[in-house]
């Protein structure tokens, strides 16, 4: 398995870390962290760490897209 395959497989996992979701969305970790704290992105606090479900993030992105188009 080459590096590109490994990167793709990371995003197939059910739960993503803050670093993984930031890479997936091509955003900074600090932006994702602030959004999670404010409740602006689907996120779960597990102990002291944030976790994200990829399928929920994908739906959230699609809903955000539709909201911008409707305005």
Foldseek 3Di string as FASTA:
>chain_A
DDPVVVLVVQLVDQKDFLVNVCVVVVHDSVVVVVCVVVVNADWDCDPNTIIDGNVRRVVSVVVVVVVVVVD
